[in-house]
Amino acid sequence: MPLRFSQDIKFLLQRLAKNPLTLGDIISETSERGFSLVIALLVLPFLLPTPPGLSTPLGIACLLMSAQMALGRRTPWLPKKIATIQFPNWFAQKLLQNLHRVTKLLEKISRPRLKKVSEHQITWRINGICLTWLVVLLMSPYPPFSNPLPAVGMLLLAVATIESDGILMALGYIITILNTLFFGSAFYLLYSGATYLIPSIFR
């Protein structure tokens, strides 16, 4: 059975063939699923090493969406300047096609499971908190080339939220914890190295 996620992407690809696509269009066409769909679209470029400077604008848009989830909002909102930005046709087409390929893989493992838990308002907020935290890690400049690590967790949580898949959500939580441990260790090593080097320089 096709995922709702796949159906949303197919519809957006059909719409893109006729008219330019904006984030506002995605939100209006997908209702509350627009939260996760927009996040998934914006996070997809981070699954590969991203050019410097790209993480900040995409990350801010993700942060706005995930923070609203954490606050319990069910209707997504974006500032007009962001909502009305048009994706270049080739860029939007490429993003949606790549996301469609990823979704085909997820269809093999994702389905509605533990719906009473996965669709609960508290779970919705927890997912928003995890996504917000992963966005913060995603936007971190250190360690370099680490963008795919939080991006994977964000994509899993986005799809799990749309599909009401409690098992996939649990996997997303585990990846969030692993990311926290990894980035925490990296920053600890950076801090330890700095506290050792700085006194040495001034000796």
N, C-alpha and C. Protein backbone atom coordinates (compact mmCIF):
# COMPACT_ATOMS: atom_id res chain seq x y z
N MET A 1 0.85 -1.20 0.00
CA MET A 1 0.00 0.00 0.00
C MET A 1 0.89 1.25 0.00
N PRO A 2 0.67 2.17 -0.93
CA PRO A 2 1.53 3.36 -0.99
C PRO A 2 1.44 4.20 0.28
N LEU A 3 2.53 4.77 0.67
CA LEU A 3 2.53 5.67 1.82
C LEU A 3 1.83 6.97 1.47
N ARG A 4 1.25 7.61 2.48
CA ARG A 4 0.70 8.95 2.28
C ARG A 4 1.81 9.89 1.80
N PHE A 5 3.02 9.63 2.31
CA PHE A 5 4.18 10.42 1.93
C PHE A 5 4.40 10.33 0.42
N SER A 6 4.34 9.11 -0.13
CA SER A 6 4.52 8.91 -1.57
C SER A 6 3.43 9.62 -2.37
N GLN A 7 2.21 9.54 -1.89
CA GLN A 7 1.09 10.17 -2.58
C GLN A 7 1.27 11.69 -2.60
N ASP A 8 1.72 12.26 -1.48
CA ASP A 8 1.96 13.70 -1.41
C ASP A 8 3.02 14.11 -2.43
N ILE A 9 4.10 13.34 -2.50
CA ILE A 9 5.20 13.68 -3.41
C ILE A 9 4.75 13.56 -4.86
N LYS A 10 3.98 12.51 -5.17
CA LYS A 10 3.48 12.33 -6.53
C LYS A 10 2.61 13.52 -6.94
N PHE A 11 1.75 13.97 -6.02
CA PHE A 11 0.87 15.10 -6.31
C PHE A 11 1.69 16.36 -6.55
N LEU A 12 2.72 16.58 -5.72
CA LEU A 12 3.55 17.78 -5.85
C LEU A 12 4.33 17.77 -7.16
N LEU A 13 4.80 16.58 -7.57
CA LEU A 13 5.50 16.47 -8.85
C LEU A 13 4.57 16.82 -10.01
N GLN A 14 3.32 16.37 -9.93
CA GLN A 14 2.34 16.70 -10.97
C GLN A 14 2.06 18.19 -11.00
N ARG A 15 1.96 18.80 -9.82
CA ARG A 15 1.69 20.24 -9.74
C ARG A 15 2.89 21.03 -10.27
N LEU A 16 4.09 20.53 -9.96
CA LEU A 16 5.30 21.23 -10.37
C LEU A 16 5.41 21.29 -11.89
N ALA A 17 4.84 20.30 -12.57
CA ALA A 17 4.90 20.27 -14.03
C ALA A 17 4.09 21.42 -14.63
N LYS A 18 3.14 21.98 -13.85
CA LYS A 18 2.27 23.05 -14.36
C LYS A 18 2.66 24.43 -13.80
N ASN A 19 2.99 24.47 -12.52
CA ASN A 19 3.25 25.77 -11.88
C ASN A 19 4.49 25.69 -10.99
N PRO A 20 5.19 26.82 -10.80
CA PRO A 20 6.31 26.86 -9.85
C PRO A 20 5.83 26.48 -8.45
N LEU A 21 6.71 25.90 -7.68
CA LEU A 21 6.37 25.38 -6.35
C LEU A 21 7.00 26.24 -5.27
N THR A 22 6.22 26.56 -4.22
CA THR A 22 6.73 27.29 -3.07
C THR A 22 6.48 26.46 -1.81
N LEU A 23 7.15 26.83 -0.70
CA LEU A 23 6.89 26.16 0.57
C LEU A 23 5.44 26.36 1.00
N GLY A 24 4.90 27.54 0.71
CA GLY A 24 3.50 27.80 1.03
C GLY A 24 2.56 26.86 0.30
N ASP A 25 2.88 26.53 -0.96
CA ASP A 25 2.07 25.58 -1.73
C ASP A 25 2.07 24.20 -1.07
N ILE A 26 3.27 23.77 -0.65
CA ILE A 26 3.39 22.46 -0.02
C ILE A 26 2.54 22.39 1.24
N ILE A 27 2.60 23.44 2.04
CA ILE A 27 1.84 23.48 3.29
C ILE A 27 0.33 23.46 3.01
N SER A 28 -0.10 24.28 2.05
CA SER A 28 -1.54 24.37 1.78
C SER A 28 -2.10 23.08 1.20
N GLU A 29 -1.27 22.33 0.47
CA GLU A 29 -1.76 21.12 -0.18
C GLU A 29 -1.69 19.89 0.73
N THR A 30 -0.89 19.94 1.78
CA THR A 30 -0.68 18.74 2.59
C THR A 30 -1.15 18.89 4.03
N SER A 31 -1.82 19.99 4.36
CA SER A 31 -2.37 20.21 5.71
C SER A 31 -1.28 20.05 6.75
N GLU A 32 -1.57 19.37 7.89
CA GLU A 32 -0.58 19.26 8.96
C GLU A 32 0.61 18.39 8.55
N ARG A 33 0.41 17.54 7.51
CA ARG A 33 1.53 16.75 7.02
C ARG A 33 2.58 17.64 6.39
N GLY A 34 2.19 18.90 6.09
CA GLY A 34 3.15 19.85 5.53
C GLY A 34 4.34 20.08 6.42
N PHE A 35 4.16 19.97 7.75
CA PHE A 35 5.29 20.09 8.67
C PHE A 35 6.40 19.14 8.26
N SER A 36 6.06 17.86 8.26
CA SER A 36 7.07 16.83 8.03
C SER A 36 7.54 16.80 6.58
N LEU A 37 6.62 17.08 5.64
CA LEU A 37 7.00 17.05 4.24
C LEU A 37 8.00 18.16 3.91
N VAL A 38 7.75 19.36 4.42
CA VAL A 38 8.68 20.47 4.19
C VAL A 38 10.03 20.18 4.84
N ILE A 39 10.01 19.66 6.06
CA ILE A 39 11.26 19.32 6.74
C ILE A 39 12.03 18.28 5.93
N ALA A 40 11.33 17.25 5.45
CA ALA A 40 12.00 16.20 4.67
C ALA A 40 12.61 16.77 3.39
N LEU A 41 11.88 17.66 2.72
CA LEU A 41 12.39 18.26 1.50
C LEU A 41 13.65 19.09 1.76
N LEU A 42 13.60 19.89 2.84
CA LEU A 42 14.71 20.78 3.13
C LEU A 42 15.94 20.05 3.66
N VAL A 43 15.71 18.90 4.30
CA VAL A 43 16.83 18.18 4.90
C VAL A 43 17.50 17.25 3.90
N LEU A 44 16.81 16.95 2.80
CA LEU A 44 17.34 16.00 1.84
C LEU A 44 18.73 16.37 1.30
N PRO A 45 19.01 17.65 0.97
CA PRO A 45 20.35 17.99 0.48
C PRO A 45 21.46 17.66 1.46
N PHE A 46 21.14 17.57 2.76
CA PHE A 46 22.18 17.33 3.77
C PHE A 46 22.58 15.86 3.86
N LEU A 47 21.89 14.98 3.14
CA LEU A 47 22.27 13.58 3.16
C LEU A 47 23.58 13.36 2.41
N LEU A 48 23.98 14.38 1.66
CA LEU A 48 25.29 14.39 1.00
C LEU A 48 26.05 15.60 1.52
N PRO A 49 27.38 15.61 1.44
CA PRO A 49 28.12 16.79 1.87
C PRO A 49 27.60 18.05 1.18
N THR A 50 27.29 19.07 2.00
CA THR A 50 26.66 20.28 1.47
C THR A 50 27.66 21.42 1.35
N PRO A 51 27.56 22.25 0.31
CA PRO A 51 28.47 23.39 0.19
C PRO A 51 28.33 24.33 1.38
N PRO A 52 29.42 24.98 1.79
CA PRO A 52 29.34 25.92 2.91
C PRO A 52 28.32 27.02 2.66
N GLY A 53 27.59 27.37 3.72
CA GLY A 53 26.60 28.43 3.62
C GLY A 53 25.20 27.96 3.33
N LEU A 54 25.05 26.71 2.84
CA LEU A 54 23.71 26.21 2.51
C LEU A 54 22.95 25.77 3.76
N SER A 55 23.67 25.31 4.76
CA SER A 55 23.01 24.76 5.95
C SER A 55 22.23 25.82 6.71
N THR A 56 22.69 27.08 6.68
CA THR A 56 22.03 28.12 7.48
C THR A 56 20.62 28.45 6.98
N PRO A 57 20.42 28.85 5.70
CA PRO A 57 19.05 29.18 5.28
C PRO A 57 18.10 28.00 5.32
N LEU A 58 18.55 26.82 4.89
CA LEU A 58 17.68 25.65 4.94
C LEU A 58 17.40 25.26 6.38
N GLY A 59 18.43 25.38 7.22
CA GLY A 59 18.29 25.03 8.63
C GLY A 59 17.30 25.94 9.35
N ILE A 60 17.32 27.24 9.03
CA ILE A 60 16.39 28.18 9.67
C ILE A 60 14.95 27.82 9.34
N ALA A 61 14.68 27.48 8.08
CA ALA A 61 13.33 27.09 7.68
C ALA A 61 12.90 25.81 8.41
N CYS A 62 13.81 24.83 8.51
CA CYS A 62 13.51 23.61 9.27
C CYS A 62 13.24 23.92 10.73
N LEU A 63 14.03 24.84 11.28
CA LEU A 63 13.90 25.20 12.69
C LEU A 63 12.53 25.83 12.97
N LEU A 64 12.08 26.68 12.06
CA LEU A 64 10.76 27.30 12.22
C LEU A 64 9.66 26.25 12.24
N MET A 65 9.77 25.25 11.38
CA MET A 65 8.74 24.21 11.31
C MET A 65 8.78 23.30 12.53
N SER A 66 9.97 22.83 12.88
CA SER A 66 10.07 21.89 14.00
C SER A 66 9.73 22.54 15.33
N ALA A 67 10.07 23.82 15.50
CA ALA A 67 9.75 24.52 16.75
C ALA A 67 8.24 24.65 16.93
N GLN A 68 7.52 24.85 15.82
CA GLN A 68 6.06 24.90 15.91
C GLN A 68 5.48 23.56 16.32
N MET A 69 6.07 22.47 15.81
CA MET A 69 5.63 21.14 16.25
C MET A 69 5.87 20.96 17.74
N ALA A 70 7.04 21.39 18.21
CA ALA A 70 7.37 21.26 19.62
C ALA A 70 6.40 22.03 20.51
N LEU A 71 5.86 23.13 19.98
CA LEU A 71 4.88 23.94 20.72
C LEU A 71 3.47 23.41 20.60
N GLY A 72 3.29 22.34 19.80
CA GLY A 72 1.99 21.70 19.70
C GLY A 72 1.12 22.19 18.57
N ARG A 73 1.63 23.07 17.70
CA ARG A 73 0.83 23.55 16.57
C ARG A 73 0.57 22.43 15.59
N ARG A 74 -0.63 22.40 15.04
CA ARG A 74 -0.99 21.40 14.03
C ARG A 74 -1.11 22.03 12.64
N THR A 75 -1.18 23.34 12.61
CA THR A 75 -1.25 24.04 11.32
C THR A 75 0.05 24.80 11.12
N PRO A 76 0.84 24.41 10.13
CA PRO A 76 2.14 25.06 9.94
C PRO A 76 2.01 26.51 9.48
N TRP A 77 2.96 27.31 9.90
CA TRP A 77 3.01 28.72 9.50
C TRP A 77 4.44 29.09 9.18
N LEU A 78 4.60 29.86 8.12
CA LEU A 78 5.91 30.40 7.76
C LEU A 78 5.75 31.88 7.46
N PRO A 79 6.75 32.70 7.77
CA PRO A 79 6.71 34.12 7.37
C PRO A 79 6.51 34.22 5.86
N LYS A 80 5.80 35.25 5.44
CA LYS A 80 5.45 35.40 4.03
C LYS A 80 6.67 35.37 3.12
N LYS A 81 7.76 36.00 3.57
CA LYS A 81 8.97 36.06 2.73
C LYS A 81 9.52 34.67 2.44
N ILE A 82 9.37 33.75 3.43
CA ILE A 82 9.86 32.39 3.25
C ILE A 82 8.84 31.55 2.48
N ALA A 83 7.56 31.71 2.85
CA ALA A 83 6.50 30.89 2.24
C ALA A 83 6.35 31.15 0.75
N THR A 84 6.67 32.36 0.30
CA THR A 84 6.46 32.72 -1.10
C THR A 84 7.71 32.57 -1.97
N ILE A 85 8.81 32.13 -1.37
CA ILE A 85 10.02 31.90 -2.17
C ILE A 85 9.77 30.74 -3.12
N GLN A 86 10.01 30.95 -4.40
CA GLN A 86 9.82 29.90 -5.38
C GLN A 86 11.10 29.10 -5.55
N PHE A 87 10.95 27.78 -5.52
CA PHE A 87 12.08 26.93 -5.86
C PHE A 87 12.34 27.04 -7.36
N PRO A 88 13.60 27.14 -7.77
CA PRO A 88 13.87 26.98 -9.21
C PRO A 88 13.30 25.63 -9.66
N ASN A 89 12.68 25.61 -10.82
CA ASN A 89 11.98 24.40 -11.26
C ASN A 89 12.89 23.18 -11.24
N TRP A 90 14.11 23.33 -11.75
CA TRP A 90 15.01 22.18 -11.82
C TRP A 90 15.39 21.68 -10.43
N PHE A 91 15.54 22.66 -9.47
CA PHE A 91 15.95 22.30 -8.12
C PHE A 91 14.83 21.55 -7.40
N ALA A 92 13.60 22.09 -7.51
CA ALA A 92 12.45 21.45 -6.87
C ALA A 92 12.20 20.08 -7.47
N GLN A 93 12.32 19.97 -8.79
CA GLN A 93 12.11 18.68 -9.46
C GLN A 93 13.13 17.66 -8.97
N LYS A 94 14.37 18.08 -8.85
CA LYS A 94 15.43 17.18 -8.40
C LYS A 94 15.19 16.73 -6.96
N LEU A 95 14.83 17.69 -6.10
CA LEU A 95 14.56 17.36 -4.70
C LEU A 95 13.44 16.35 -4.58
N LEU A 96 12.32 16.62 -5.26
CA LEU A 96 11.16 15.74 -5.15
C LEU A 96 11.44 14.36 -5.73
N GLN A 97 12.19 14.31 -6.83
CA GLN A 97 12.53 13.01 -7.43
C GLN A 97 13.43 12.20 -6.49
N ASN A 98 14.43 12.87 -5.91
CA ASN A 98 15.31 12.16 -4.97
C ASN A 98 14.55 11.70 -3.74
N LEU A 99 13.65 12.56 -3.24
CA LEU A 99 12.86 12.19 -2.08
C LEU A 99 11.94 11.03 -2.41
N HIS A 100 11.43 10.99 -3.63
CA HIS A 100 10.57 9.89 -4.06
C HIS A 100 11.36 8.58 -4.06
N ARG A 101 12.62 8.63 -4.49
CA ARG A 101 13.46 7.42 -4.48
C ARG A 101 13.70 6.93 -3.05
N VAL A 102 13.98 7.88 -2.15
CA VAL A 102 14.19 7.51 -0.75
C VAL A 102 12.92 6.90 -0.16
N THR A 103 11.78 7.49 -0.53
CA THR A 103 10.50 7.02 0.00
C THR A 103 10.21 5.59 -0.44
N LYS A 104 10.61 5.24 -1.67
CA LYS A 104 10.39 3.87 -2.14
C LYS A 104 11.09 2.87 -1.22
N LEU A 105 12.28 3.24 -0.73
CA LEU A 105 12.98 2.37 0.21
C LEU A 105 12.26 2.31 1.54
N LEU A 106 11.76 3.46 2.00
CA LEU A 106 11.08 3.50 3.29
C LEU A 106 9.76 2.76 3.26
N GLU A 107 9.13 2.66 2.08
CA GLU A 107 7.87 1.93 1.98
C GLU A 107 8.02 0.47 2.39
N LYS A 108 9.24 -0.05 2.26
CA LYS A 108 9.46 -1.45 2.60
C LYS A 108 9.50 -1.68 4.11
N ILE A 109 9.75 -0.62 4.87
CA ILE A 109 9.88 -0.80 6.32
C ILE A 109 8.87 0.01 7.13
N SER A 110 8.17 0.94 6.49
CA SER A 110 7.28 1.84 7.24
C SER A 110 5.81 1.52 6.96
N ARG A 111 5.02 1.54 8.03
CA ARG A 111 3.57 1.39 7.94
C ARG A 111 2.98 1.87 9.26
N PRO A 112 1.70 2.16 9.32
CA PRO A 112 1.11 2.60 10.60
C PRO A 112 1.27 1.54 11.69
N ARG A 113 1.96 1.90 12.76
CA ARG A 113 2.18 0.99 13.89
C ARG A 113 2.12 1.78 15.19
N LEU A 114 1.55 1.16 16.23
CA LEU A 114 1.41 1.81 17.54
C LEU A 114 0.72 3.17 17.38
N LYS A 115 -0.40 3.19 16.66
CA LYS A 115 -1.04 4.46 16.28
C LYS A 115 -1.50 5.27 17.49
N LYS A 116 -1.97 4.59 18.53
CA LYS A 116 -2.44 5.33 19.71
C LYS A 116 -1.31 6.17 20.31
N VAL A 117 -0.11 5.61 20.26
CA VAL A 117 1.06 6.34 20.78
C VAL A 117 1.58 7.33 19.75
N SER A 118 1.73 6.88 18.50
CA SER A 118 2.37 7.71 17.47
C SER A 118 1.53 8.93 17.10
N GLU A 119 0.20 8.86 17.30
CA GLU A 119 -0.65 9.99 16.94
C GLU A 119 -1.04 10.85 18.13
N HIS A 120 -0.49 10.54 19.30
CA HIS A 120 -0.81 11.31 20.51
C HIS A 120 -0.18 12.70 20.44
N GLN A 121 -0.85 13.67 21.05
CA GLN A 121 -0.35 15.05 21.04
C GLN A 121 1.02 15.16 21.70
N ILE A 122 1.24 14.39 22.78
CA ILE A 122 2.56 14.44 23.45
C ILE A 122 3.65 13.93 22.52
N THR A 123 3.34 12.84 21.78
CA THR A 123 4.31 12.30 20.83
C THR A 123 4.63 13.31 19.74
N TRP A 124 3.58 14.02 19.28
CA TRP A 124 3.78 15.07 18.28
C TRP A 124 4.79 16.10 18.78
N ARG A 125 4.63 16.51 20.04
CA ARG A 125 5.55 17.51 20.61
C ARG A 125 6.96 16.94 20.80
N ILE A 126 7.03 15.69 21.24
CA ILE A 126 8.35 15.05 21.40
C ILE A 126 9.07 15.01 20.06
N ASN A 127 8.34 14.64 19.01
CA ASN A 127 8.95 14.62 17.67
C ASN A 127 9.44 16.01 17.28
N GLY A 128 8.65 17.04 17.61
CA GLY A 128 9.07 18.41 17.33
C GLY A 128 10.32 18.80 18.08
N ILE A 129 10.41 18.38 19.35
CA ILE A 129 11.60 18.68 20.16
C ILE A 129 12.82 17.98 19.57
N CYS A 130 12.67 16.70 19.20
CA CYS A 130 13.79 15.95 18.62
C CYS A 130 14.23 16.57 17.30
N LEU A 131 13.26 16.93 16.46
CA LEU A 131 13.60 17.55 15.18
C LEU A 131 14.30 18.89 15.38
N THR A 132 13.82 19.67 16.36
CA THR A 132 14.46 20.96 16.64
C THR A 132 15.90 20.77 17.07
N TRP A 133 16.12 19.80 17.95
CA TRP A 133 17.48 19.53 18.43
C TRP A 133 18.38 19.05 17.28
N LEU A 134 17.84 18.19 16.41
CA LEU A 134 18.63 17.70 15.28
C LEU A 134 18.95 18.83 14.31
N VAL A 135 18.03 19.80 14.15
CA VAL A 135 18.31 20.96 13.30
C VAL A 135 19.47 21.76 13.88
N VAL A 136 19.47 21.94 15.21
CA VAL A 136 20.57 22.67 15.86
C VAL A 136 21.89 21.97 15.57
N LEU A 137 21.92 20.64 15.68
CA LEU A 137 23.14 19.88 15.38
C LEU A 137 23.49 19.99 13.90
N LEU A 138 22.46 19.97 13.05
CA LEU A 138 22.68 20.07 11.61
C LEU A 138 23.35 21.38 11.24
N MET A 139 22.98 22.46 11.93
CA MET A 139 23.52 23.79 11.62
C MET A 139 24.88 24.02 12.27
N SER A 140 25.29 23.09 13.09
CA SER A 140 26.59 23.25 13.77
C SER A 140 27.74 23.15 12.77
N PRO A 141 28.71 24.06 12.84
CA PRO A 141 29.84 24.01 11.91
C PRO A 141 30.87 22.93 12.27
N TYR A 142 30.70 22.35 13.46
CA TYR A 142 31.68 21.36 13.93
C TYR A 142 30.95 20.14 14.45
N PRO A 143 31.45 18.93 14.16
CA PRO A 143 32.59 18.61 13.29
C PRO A 143 32.22 18.76 11.82
N PRO A 144 33.22 19.02 10.97
CA PRO A 144 32.93 19.23 9.55
C PRO A 144 32.42 17.96 8.88
N PHE A 145 31.63 18.16 7.82
CA PHE A 145 31.09 17.06 7.01
C PHE A 145 30.23 16.07 7.81
N SER A 146 29.60 16.56 8.88
CA SER A 146 28.78 15.68 9.71
C SER A 146 27.29 15.87 9.46
N ASN A 147 26.93 16.70 8.46
CA ASN A 147 25.51 16.99 8.19
C ASN A 147 24.64 15.75 7.98
N PRO A 148 25.14 14.71 7.29
CA PRO A 148 24.26 13.55 7.05
C PRO A 148 23.79 12.85 8.32
N LEU A 149 24.53 12.98 9.41
CA LEU A 149 24.17 12.23 10.64
C LEU A 149 22.84 12.71 11.22
N PRO A 150 22.67 14.00 11.54
CA PRO A 150 21.35 14.45 12.00
C PRO A 150 20.30 14.42 10.90
N ALA A 151 20.72 14.58 9.64
CA ALA A 151 19.76 14.58 8.53
C ALA A 151 19.02 13.25 8.43
N VAL A 152 19.71 12.15 8.65
CA VAL A 152 19.08 10.83 8.60
C VAL A 152 18.01 10.72 9.69
N GLY A 153 18.34 11.17 10.90
CA GLY A 153 17.37 11.14 11.98
C GLY A 153 16.15 12.00 11.69
N MET A 154 16.37 13.17 11.10
CA MET A 154 15.27 14.07 10.77
C MET A 154 14.36 13.46 9.71
N LEU A 155 14.96 12.84 8.70
CA LEU A 155 14.16 12.24 7.63
C LEU A 155 13.31 11.09 8.17
N LEU A 156 13.90 10.25 9.02
CA LEU A 156 13.15 9.14 9.61
C LEU A 156 11.99 9.64 10.46
N LEU A 157 12.25 10.65 11.29
CA LEU A 157 11.19 11.19 12.15
C LEU A 157 10.09 11.86 11.32
N ALA A 158 10.48 12.53 10.24
CA ALA A 158 9.50 13.19 9.38
C ALA A 158 8.57 12.17 8.75
N VAL A 159 9.13 11.11 8.19
CA VAL A 159 8.32 10.07 7.56
C VAL A 159 7.48 9.34 8.61
N ALA A 160 8.09 9.02 9.75
CA ALA A 160 7.37 8.31 10.81
C ALA A 160 6.17 9.12 11.31
N THR A 161 6.32 10.43 11.38
CA THR A 161 5.22 11.29 11.84
C THR A 161 4.07 11.27 10.84
N ILE A 162 4.38 11.36 9.56
CA ILE A 162 3.34 11.33 8.53
C ILE A 162 2.63 9.98 8.52
N GLU A 163 3.39 8.90 8.64
CA GLU A 163 2.83 7.56 8.52
C GLU A 163 2.30 6.97 9.82
N SER A 164 2.41 7.73 10.92
CA SER A 164 1.98 7.24 12.24
C SER A 164 2.66 5.92 12.57
N ASP A 165 3.96 5.86 12.33
CA ASP A 165 4.74 4.64 12.54
C ASP A 165 5.54 4.77 13.84
N GLY A 166 5.02 4.18 14.92
CA GLY A 166 5.68 4.29 16.21
C GLY A 166 7.03 3.60 16.26
N ILE A 167 7.18 2.51 15.50
CA ILE A 167 8.46 1.78 15.48
C ILE A 167 9.54 2.63 14.82
N LEU A 168 9.19 3.24 13.69
CA LEU A 168 10.16 4.10 12.99
C LEU A 168 10.49 5.33 13.83
N MET A 169 9.49 5.83 14.59
CA MET A 169 9.76 6.95 15.50
C MET A 169 10.79 6.55 16.55
N ALA A 170 10.63 5.34 17.10
CA ALA A 170 11.58 4.86 18.12
C ALA A 170 12.99 4.81 17.55
N LEU A 171 13.11 4.36 16.30
CA LEU A 171 14.42 4.34 15.64
C LEU A 171 14.95 5.76 15.49
N GLY A 172 14.06 6.70 15.17
CA GLY A 172 14.45 8.11 15.07
C GLY A 172 14.94 8.65 16.41
N TYR A 173 14.30 8.23 17.51
CA TYR A 173 14.74 8.67 18.84
C TYR A 173 16.13 8.12 19.16
N ILE A 174 16.35 6.86 18.78
CA ILE A 174 17.67 6.25 19.02
C ILE A 174 18.75 7.01 18.25
N ILE A 175 18.45 7.35 17.00
CA ILE A 175 19.42 8.10 16.18
C ILE A 175 19.65 9.48 16.77
N THR A 176 18.60 10.09 17.34
CA THR A 176 18.75 11.40 18.00
C THR A 176 19.70 11.29 19.18
N ILE A 177 19.55 10.23 19.98
CA ILE A 177 20.44 10.02 21.13
C ILE A 177 21.88 9.80 20.67
N LEU A 178 22.05 8.98 19.62
CA LEU A 178 23.39 8.71 19.10
C LEU A 178 24.04 9.99 18.56
N ASN A 179 23.25 10.82 17.89
CA ASN A 179 23.76 12.11 17.42
C ASN A 179 24.20 12.99 18.58
N THR A 180 23.39 13.00 19.63
CA THR A 180 23.73 13.81 20.81
C THR A 180 25.05 13.35 21.41
N LEU A 181 25.23 12.04 21.52
CA LEU A 181 26.48 11.50 22.07
C LEU A 181 27.66 11.82 21.17
N PHE A 182 27.46 11.68 19.86
CA PHE A 182 28.56 11.95 18.92
C PHE A 182 28.98 13.41 18.95
N PHE A 183 27.98 14.32 18.82
CA PHE A 183 28.31 15.75 18.80
C PHE A 183 28.82 16.21 20.16
N GLY A 184 28.26 15.64 21.24
CA GLY A 184 28.75 15.98 22.57
C GLY A 184 30.20 15.60 22.74
N SER A 185 30.56 14.39 22.26
CA SER A 185 31.95 13.94 22.34
C SER A 185 32.87 14.82 21.50
N ALA A 186 32.39 15.19 20.30
CA ALA A 186 33.20 16.04 19.41
C ALA A 186 33.46 17.40 20.04
N PHE A 187 32.43 18.00 20.64
CA PHE A 187 32.61 19.32 21.27
C PHE A 187 33.46 19.21 22.53
N TYR A 188 33.35 18.09 23.23
CA TYR A 188 34.20 17.90 24.41
C TYR A 188 35.67 17.82 24.01
N LEU A 189 35.95 17.08 22.93
CA LEU A 189 37.33 16.96 22.45
C LEU A 189 37.84 18.32 21.98
N LEU A 190 36.97 19.08 21.31
CA LEU A 190 37.36 20.41 20.85
C LEU A 190 37.68 21.31 22.04
N TYR A 191 36.80 21.27 23.06
CA TYR A 191 37.00 22.10 24.25
C TYR A 191 38.26 21.67 25.00
N SER A 192 38.47 20.36 25.12
CA SER A 192 39.65 19.85 25.82
C SER A 192 40.93 20.27 25.11
N GLY A 193 40.90 20.18 23.76
CA GLY A 193 42.07 20.58 22.98
C GLY A 193 42.34 22.07 23.11
N ALA A 194 41.28 22.87 23.11
CA ALA A 194 41.45 24.33 23.23
C ALA A 194 42.00 24.71 24.58
N THR A 195 41.50 24.08 25.65
CA THR A 195 41.98 24.41 27.00
C THR A 195 43.42 23.97 27.20
N TYR A 196 43.86 22.99 26.41
CA TYR A 196 45.25 22.54 26.52
C TYR A 196 46.18 23.43 25.69
N LEU A 197 45.72 23.80 24.48
CA LEU A 197 46.58 24.54 23.56
C LEU A 197 46.76 26.01 23.97
N ILE A 198 45.67 26.64 24.39
CA ILE A 198 45.74 28.08 24.68
C ILE A 198 46.76 28.40 25.78
N PRO A 199 46.77 27.69 26.93
CA PRO A 199 47.82 27.98 27.92
C PRO A 199 49.22 27.70 27.40
N SER A 200 49.34 26.65 26.52
CA SER A 200 50.65 26.31 25.98
C SER A 200 51.21 27.43 25.10
N ILE A 201 50.33 28.10 24.37
CA ILE A 201 50.76 29.17 23.47
C ILE A 201 51.35 30.34 24.25
N PHE A 202 50.79 30.61 25.42
CA PHE A 202 51.22 31.78 26.19
C PHE A 202 52.29 31.47 27.24
N ARG A 203 52.81 30.25 27.20
CA ARG A 203 53.89 29.92 28.16
C ARG A 203 55.20 30.55 27.70
